[in-house]
Protein backbone atom coordinates (compact mmCIF):
# COMPACT_ATOMS: atom_id res chain seq x y z
CA UNK A 1 0.00 0.00 0.00
CA UNK A 2 1.13 3.50 -0.77
CA UNK A 3 0.03 6.88 0.64
CA UNK A 4 0.04 10.24 -1.16
CA UNK A 5 -0.53 12.81 1.58
CA UNK A 6 -0.66 15.78 -0.78
CA UNK A 7 -3.46 14.30 -2.91
CA UNK A 8 -5.07 12.34 -0.01
CA UNK A 9 -5.00 9.12 -2.01
CA UNK A 10 -4.06 5.55 -1.26
CA UNK A 11 -2.82 3.03 -3.78
CA UNK A 12 -2.30 -0.69 -3.94
CA UNK A 13 0.43 -2.21 -6.03
CA UNK A 14 1.52 -5.80 -6.54
CA UNK A 15 4.10 -6.98 -4.02
CA UNK A 16 6.17 -10.16 -4.01
CA UNK A 17 4.25 -13.03 -2.39
CA UNK A 18 6.88 -13.43 0.31
CA UNK A 19 6.79 -9.74 1.30
CA UNK A 20 6.25 -9.29 5.03
CA UNK A 21 4.93 -5.76 4.52
CA UNK A 22 2.12 -6.64 2.09
CA UNK A 23 -1.64 -6.78 2.62
CA UNK A 24 -3.95 -9.61 1.58
CA UNK A 25 -6.80 -8.94 -0.86
CA UNK A 26 -9.94 -11.06 -0.59
CA UNK A 27 -11.88 -11.21 -3.85
CA UNK A 28 -15.64 -11.66 -4.23
CA UNK A 29 -16.63 -12.65 -7.76
CA UNK A 30 -20.32 -12.45 -6.89
CA UNK A 31 -20.02 -8.77 -5.97
CA UNK A 32 -17.24 -7.87 -8.42
CA UNK A 33 -15.21 -6.48 -5.52
CA UNK A 34 -12.24 -7.05 -3.24
CA UNK A 35 -11.70 -6.43 0.46
CA UNK A 36 -8.50 -5.32 2.12
CA UNK A 37 -7.84 -4.87 5.82
CA UNK A 38 -5.51 -1.89 6.12
CA UNK A 39 -6.45 -0.23 9.40
CA UNK A 40 -2.87 -0.48 10.74
CA UNK A 41 -1.50 1.10 7.55
CA UNK A 42 -3.97 3.99 7.72
CA UNK A 43 -3.17 4.54 11.39
CA UNK A 44 0.56 4.56 10.48
CA UNK A 45 0.04 7.41 7.97
CA UNK A 46 -2.19 9.36 10.39
CA UNK A 47 -5.60 8.62 8.90
CA UNK A 48 -8.46 7.51 11.15
CA UNK A 49 -11.41 5.73 9.55
CA UNK A 50 -13.63 4.03 12.11
CA UNK A 51 -16.07 2.25 9.81
CA UNK A 52 -15.85 0.12 6.70
CA UNK A 53 -15.82 2.20 3.50
CA UNK A 54 -16.32 1.32 -0.14
CA UNK A 55 -13.91 3.08 -2.48
CA UNK A 56 -13.96 3.31 -6.25
CA UNK A 57 -10.56 2.38 -7.64
CA UNK A 58 -8.88 3.99 -10.63
CA UNK A 59 -6.21 2.13 -12.61
CA UNK A 60 -2.94 4.05 -12.97
CA UNK A 61 -1.44 2.49 -16.09
CA UNK A 62 1.87 4.35 -15.84
CA UNK A 63 2.66 3.12 -12.32
CA UNK A 64 0.73 -0.18 -12.60
CA UNK A 65 -1.39 0.32 -9.49
CA UNK A 66 -4.92 1.01 -8.31
CA UNK A 67 -5.57 4.36 -6.64
CA UNK A 68 -8.47 5.71 -4.55
CA UNK A 69 -9.29 8.97 -2.79
CA UNK A 70 -10.16 8.57 0.88
CA UNK A 71 -13.51 10.06 1.92
CA UNK A 72 -13.66 13.11 4.14
CA UNK A 73 -10.04 14.16 3.67
C-alpha atoms as a PDB file:
ATOM      1  CA  UNK A   1       0.000   0.000   0.000  1.00  0.00           C
ATOM      2  CA  UNK A   2       1.125   3.504  -0.767  1.00  0.00           C
ATOM      3  CA  UNK A   3       0.028   6.883   0.636  1.00  0.00           C
ATOM      4  CA  UNK A   4       0.039  10.236  -1.163  1.00  0.00           C
ATOM      5  CA  UNK A   5      -0.531  12.806   1.583  1.00  0.00           C
ATOM      6  CA  UNK A   6      -0.659  15.780  -0.784  1.00  0.00           C
ATOM      7  CA  UNK A   7      -3.462  14.295  -2.914  1.00  0.00           C
ATOM      8  CA  UNK A   8      -5.070  12.339  -0.009  1.00  0.00           C
ATOM      9  CA  UNK A   9      -4.997   9.119  -2.012  1.00  0.00           C
ATOM     10  CA  UNK A  10      -4.060   5.550  -1.260  1.00  0.00           C
ATOM     11  CA  UNK A  11      -2.823   3.030  -3.776  1.00  0.00           C
ATOM     12  CA  UNK A  12      -2.302  -0.687  -3.939  1.00  0.00           C
ATOM     13  CA  UNK A  13       0.429  -2.212  -6.033  1.00  0.00           C
ATOM     14  CA  UNK A  14       1.518  -5.803  -6.545  1.00  0.00           C
ATOM     15  CA  UNK A  15       4.095  -6.976  -4.019  1.00  0.00           C
ATOM     16  CA  UNK A  16       6.167 -10.158  -4.006  1.00  0.00           C
ATOM     17  CA  UNK A  17       4.248 -13.034  -2.391  1.00  0.00           C
ATOM     18  CA  UNK A  18       6.883 -13.428   0.314  1.00  0.00           C
ATOM     19  CA  UNK A  19       6.791  -9.740   1.297  1.00  0.00           C
ATOM     20  CA  UNK A  20       6.251  -9.291   5.032  1.00  0.00           C
ATOM     21  CA  UNK A  21       4.928  -5.762   4.518  1.00  0.00           C
ATOM     22  CA  UNK A  22       2.125  -6.643   2.095  1.00  0.00           C
ATOM     23  CA  UNK A  23      -1.637  -6.778   2.617  1.00  0.00           C
ATOM     24  CA  UNK A  24      -3.954  -9.608   1.581  1.00  0.00           C
ATOM     25  CA  UNK A  25      -6.800  -8.940  -0.859  1.00  0.00           C
ATOM     26  CA  UNK A  26      -9.936 -11.058  -0.594  1.00  0.00           C
ATOM     27  CA  UNK A  27     -11.884 -11.207  -3.854  1.00  0.00           C
ATOM     28  CA  UNK A  28     -15.641 -11.663  -4.230  1.00  0.00           C
ATOM     29  CA  UNK A  29     -16.626 -12.650  -7.756  1.00  0.00           C
ATOM     30  CA  UNK A  30     -20.323 -12.453  -6.889  1.00  0.00           C
ATOM     31  CA  UNK A  31     -20.025  -8.774  -5.971  1.00  0.00           C
ATOM     32  CA  UNK A  32     -17.239  -7.875  -8.420  1.00  0.00           C
ATOM     33  CA  UNK A  33     -15.211  -6.476  -5.524  1.00  0.00           C
ATOM     34  CA  UNK A  34     -12.238  -7.050  -3.241  1.00  0.00           C
ATOM     35  CA  UNK A  35     -11.703  -6.434   0.463  1.00  0.00           C
ATOM     36  CA  UNK A  36      -8.497  -5.320   2.118  1.00  0.00           C
ATOM     37  CA  UNK A  37      -7.844  -4.868   5.817  1.00  0.00           C
ATOM     38  CA  UNK A  38      -5.508  -1.892   6.121  1.00  0.00           C
ATOM     39  CA  UNK A  39      -6.447  -0.234   9.398  1.00  0.00           C
ATOM     40  CA  UNK A  40      -2.870  -0.484  10.740  1.00  0.00           C
ATOM     41  CA  UNK A  41      -1.498   1.097   7.552  1.00  0.00           C
ATOM     42  CA  UNK A  42      -3.970   3.988   7.724  1.00  0.00           C
ATOM     43  CA  UNK A  43      -3.166   4.543  11.394  1.00  0.00           C
ATOM     44  CA  UNK A  44       0.563   4.564  10.479  1.00  0.00           C
ATOM     45  CA  UNK A  45       0.044   7.410   7.971  1.00  0.00           C
ATOM     46  CA  UNK A  46      -2.186   9.358  10.394  1.00  0.00           C
ATOM     47  CA  UNK A  47      -5.605   8.615   8.899  1.00  0.00           C
ATOM     48  CA  UNK A  48      -8.456   7.510  11.149  1.00  0.00           C
ATOM     49  CA  UNK A  49     -11.410   5.734   9.550  1.00  0.00           C
ATOM     50  CA  UNK A  50     -13.629   4.035  12.111  1.00  0.00           C
ATOM     51  CA  UNK A  51     -16.071   2.247   9.813  1.00  0.00           C
ATOM     52  CA  UNK A  52     -15.852   0.122   6.700  1.00  0.00           C
ATOM     53  CA  UNK A  53     -15.825   2.200   3.504  1.00  0.00           C
ATOM     54  CA  UNK A  54     -16.319   1.321  -0.142  1.00  0.00           C
ATOM     55  CA  UNK A  55     -13.909   3.078  -2.483  1.00  0.00           C
ATOM     56  CA  UNK A  56     -13.960   3.307  -6.248  1.00  0.00           C
ATOM     57  CA  UNK A  57     -10.557   2.380  -7.643  1.00  0.00           C
ATOM     58  CA  UNK A  58      -8.881   3.991 -10.626  1.00  0.00           C
ATOM     59  CA  UNK A  59      -6.207   2.128 -12.608  1.00  0.00           C
ATOM     60  CA  UNK A  60      -2.940   4.047 -12.966  1.00  0.00           C
ATOM     61  CA  UNK A  61      -1.443   2.486 -16.087  1.00  0.00           C
ATOM     62  CA  UNK A  62       1.865   4.345 -15.840  1.00  0.00           C
ATOM     63  CA  UNK A  63       2.658   3.118 -12.322  1.00  0.00           C
ATOM     64  CA  UNK A  64       0.728  -0.178 -12.601  1.00  0.00           C
ATOM     65  CA  UNK A  65      -1.385   0.321  -9.488  1.00  0.00           C
ATOM     66  CA  UNK A  66      -4.919   1.007  -8.308  1.00  0.00           C
ATOM     67  CA  UNK A  67      -5.575   4.361  -6.641  1.00  0.00           C
ATOM     68  CA  UNK A  68      -8.473   5.708  -4.553  1.00  0.00           C
ATOM     69  CA  UNK A  69      -9.293   8.971  -2.788  1.00  0.00           C
ATOM     70  CA  UNK A  70     -10.157   8.567   0.882  1.00  0.00           C
ATOM     71  CA  UNK A  71     -13.511  10.056   1.921  1.00  0.00           C
ATOM     72  CA  UNK A  72     -13.659  13.108   4.141  1.00  0.00           C
ATOM     73  CA  UNK A  73     -10.038  14.160   3.673  1.00  0.00           C
END
